[in-house]
C-alpha atoms as a PDB file:
ATOM      1  CA  MET A   1    -136.476-107.731 170.417  1.00  0.00           C
ATOM      2  CA  THR A   2    -138.986-107.570 173.261  1.00  0.00           C
ATOM      3  CA  PRO A   3    -141.802-110.126 172.948  1.00  0.00           C
ATOM      4  CA  TYR A   4    -145.377-108.906 172.777  1.00  0.00           C
ATOM      5  CA  PRO A   5    -147.184-109.054 176.117  1.00  0.00           C
ATOM      6  CA  THR A   6    -149.786-111.742 176.494  1.00  0.00           C
ATOM      7  CA  LEU A   7    -153.384-110.574 176.826  1.00  0.00           C
ATOM      8  CA  GLU A   8    -155.592-111.966 179.535  1.00  0.00           C
ATOM      9  CA  ALA A   9    -159.376-111.707 179.401  1.00  0.00           C
ATOM     10  CA  ASP A  10    -159.675-110.676 183.025  1.00  0.00           C
ATOM     11  CA  PRO A  11    -162.791-108.550 183.675  1.00  0.00           C
ATOM     12  CA  GLU A  12    -160.842-106.622 186.309  1.00  0.00           C
ATOM     13  CA  ASP A  13    -158.033-105.782 183.911  1.00  0.00           C
ATOM     14  CA  LYS A  14    -157.677-102.004 183.626  1.00  0.00           C
ATOM     15  CA  ASN A  15    -156.730-102.256 179.943  1.00  0.00           C
ATOM     16  CA  LEU A  16    -159.940-104.119 179.172  1.00  0.00           C
ATOM     17  CA  VAL A  17    -162.018-101.505 180.991  1.00  0.00           C
ATOM     18  CA  ILE A  18    -160.295 -98.740 179.021  1.00  0.00           C
ATOM     19  CA  LEU A  19    -160.814-100.569 175.709  1.00  0.00           C
ATOM     20  CA  GLN A  20    -164.486-101.237 176.396  1.00  0.00           C
ATOM     21  CA  SER A  21    -165.059 -97.621 177.402  1.00  0.00           C
ATOM     22  CA  LEU A  22    -163.176 -96.294 174.385  1.00  0.00           C
ATOM     23  CA  ILE A  23    -165.160 -98.416 171.923  1.00  0.00           C
ATOM     24  CA  CYS A  24    -168.428 -97.277 173.504  1.00  0.00           C
ATOM     25  CA  LEU A  25    -167.345 -93.634 173.460  1.00  0.00           C
ATOM     26  CA  LEU A  26    -166.261 -93.792 169.812  1.00  0.00           C
ATOM     27  CA  ARG A  27    -169.567 -95.424 168.863  1.00  0.00           C
ATOM     28  CA  GLU A  28    -171.566 -92.901 170.898  1.00  0.00           C
ATOM     29  CA  LYS A  29    -169.860 -90.043 169.040  1.00  0.00           C
ATOM     30  CA  ASN A  30    -170.472 -91.791 165.693  1.00  0.00           C
ATOM     31  CA  ILE A  31    -166.749 -92.117 165.023  1.00  0.00           C
ATOM     32  CA  LEU A  32    -167.160 -95.889 164.846  1.00  0.00           C
ATOM     33  CA  SER A  33    -170.166 -97.327 163.078  1.00  0.00           C
ATOM     34  CA  ARG A  34    -171.822-100.597 163.958  1.00  0.00           C
ATOM     35  CA  ALA A  35    -170.347-101.942 160.724  1.00  0.00           C
ATOM     36  CA  ASP A  36    -166.848-100.900 161.874  1.00  0.00           C
ATOM     37  CA  ILE A  37    -167.343-102.817 165.111  1.00  0.00           C
ATOM     38  CA  GLU A  38    -168.575-105.860 163.173  1.00  0.00           C
ATOM     39  CA  ASP A  39    -165.444-105.651 160.992  1.00  0.00           C
ATOM     40  CA  LEU A  40    -163.323-105.477 164.140  1.00  0.00           C
ATOM     41  CA  CYS A  41    -165.104-108.573 165.500  1.00  0.00           C
ATOM     42  CA  ALA A  42    -164.443-110.437 162.256  1.00  0.00           C
ATOM     43  CA  THR A  43    -160.761-109.461 162.293  1.00  0.00           C
ATOM     44  CA  VAL A  44    -160.270-110.613 165.877  1.00  0.00           C
ATOM     45  CA  GLN A  45    -162.119-113.869 165.181  1.00  0.00           C
ATOM     46  CA  ALA A  46    -159.941-114.484 162.118  1.00  0.00           C
ATOM     47  CA  ARG A  47    -156.820-113.974 164.234  1.00  0.00           C
ATOM     48  CA  ALA A  48    -158.158-116.415 166.818  1.00  0.00           C
ATOM     49  CA  ALA A  49    -159.004-118.995 164.156  1.00  0.00           C
ATOM     50  CA  ASP A  50    -155.535-118.886 162.578  1.00  0.00           C
ATOM     51  CA  HIS A  51    -153.287-117.656 165.378  1.00  0.00           C
ATOM     52  CA  ALA A  52    -150.341-119.774 164.193  1.00  0.00           C
ATOM     53  CA  HIS A  53    -150.003-117.662 161.027  1.00  0.00           C
ATOM     54  CA  ASP A  54    -150.848-114.335 162.627  1.00  0.00           C
ATOM     55  CA  LYS A  55    -148.339-111.554 161.913  1.00  0.00           C
ATOM     56  CA  LEU A  56    -148.754-110.266 165.473  1.00  0.00           C
ATOM     57  CA  PRO A  57    -147.898-113.178 167.754  1.00  0.00           C
ATOM     58  CA  CYS A  58    -150.300-114.077 170.530  1.00  0.00           C
ATOM     59  CA  ALA A  59    -151.228-117.121 172.575  1.00  0.00           C
ATOM     60  CA  ALA A  60    -154.120-119.209 171.241  1.00  0.00           C
ATOM     61  CA  SER A  61    -156.037-118.909 174.503  1.00  0.00           C
ATOM     62  CA  SER A  62    -155.594-115.127 174.501  1.00  0.00           C
ATOM     63  CA  ALA A  63    -156.791-114.853 170.903  1.00  0.00           C
ATOM     64  CA  LYS A  64    -159.898-116.913 171.667  1.00  0.00           C
ATOM     65  CA  ALA A  65    -160.594-114.878 174.809  1.00  0.00           C
ATOM     66  CA  ALA A  66    -160.176-111.658 172.817  1.00  0.00           C
ATOM     67  CA  ALA A  67    -162.587-112.900 170.137  1.00  0.00           C
ATOM     68  CA  ASN A  68    -165.141-113.718 172.821  1.00  0.00           C
ATOM     69  CA  GLU A  69    -164.682-110.346 174.518  1.00  0.00           C
ATOM     70  CA  ILE A  70    -164.977-108.293 171.315  1.00  0.00           C
ATOM     71  CA  ALA A  71    -168.112-110.240 170.355  1.00  0.00           C
ATOM     72  CA  GLN A  72    -169.642-109.324 173.723  1.00  0.00           C
ATOM     73  CA  ILE A  73    -168.633-105.680 173.276  1.00  0.00           C
ATOM     74  CA  GLY A  74    -170.088-105.698 169.754  1.00  0.00           C
ATOM     75  CA  ASP A  75    -173.378-107.144 170.991  1.00  0.00           C
ATOM     76  CA  TYR A  76    -173.592-104.596 173.794  1.00  0.00           C
ATOM     77  CA  VAL A  77    -172.764-101.627 171.566  1.00  0.00           C
ATOM     78  CA  GLY A  78    -175.155-102.861 168.872  1.00  0.00           C
ATOM     79  CA  HIS A  79    -178.039-103.084 171.331  1.00  0.00           C
ATOM     80  CA  LYS A  80    -177.248 -99.817 173.104  1.00  0.00           C
ATOM     81  CA  TYR A  81    -176.475 -97.563 170.128  1.00  0.00           C
ATOM     82  CA  GLY A  82    -177.961 -99.429 167.167  1.00  0.00           C
ATOM     83  CA  GLY A  83    -176.888 -98.519 163.655  1.00  0.00           C
ATOM     84  CA  LYS A  84    -176.626-100.217 160.324  1.00  0.00           C
ATOM     85  CA  HIS A  85    -174.965-103.590 159.952  1.00  0.00           C
ATOM     86  CA  ARG A  86    -172.165-103.941 157.450  1.00  0.00           C
ATOM     87  CA  ARG A  87    -173.185-104.882 153.957  1.00  0.00           C
ATOM     88  CA  ALA A  88    -172.982-108.506 152.924  1.00  0.00           C
ATOM     89  CA  ASN A  89    -170.662-108.954 149.946  1.00  0.00           C
END
């Protein structure tokens, strides 16, 4: 079985640029809501907090970097496009 590639939070990484652009495009077209992006942030943060028990293996430093990056993307998209926050349960 081939191991999963490690993710690096490099601002010059072409995959990161594509991901950022895709999230913005999906939000701009109202395919993703602000609440969806907040859920995505929470999911990534949960993976970073408990990476040892994550079903998709990743390095702890990569998970923390991903959580930081998605939080920045969420903040940017929230300020640029607005929208309703997810409901508190």
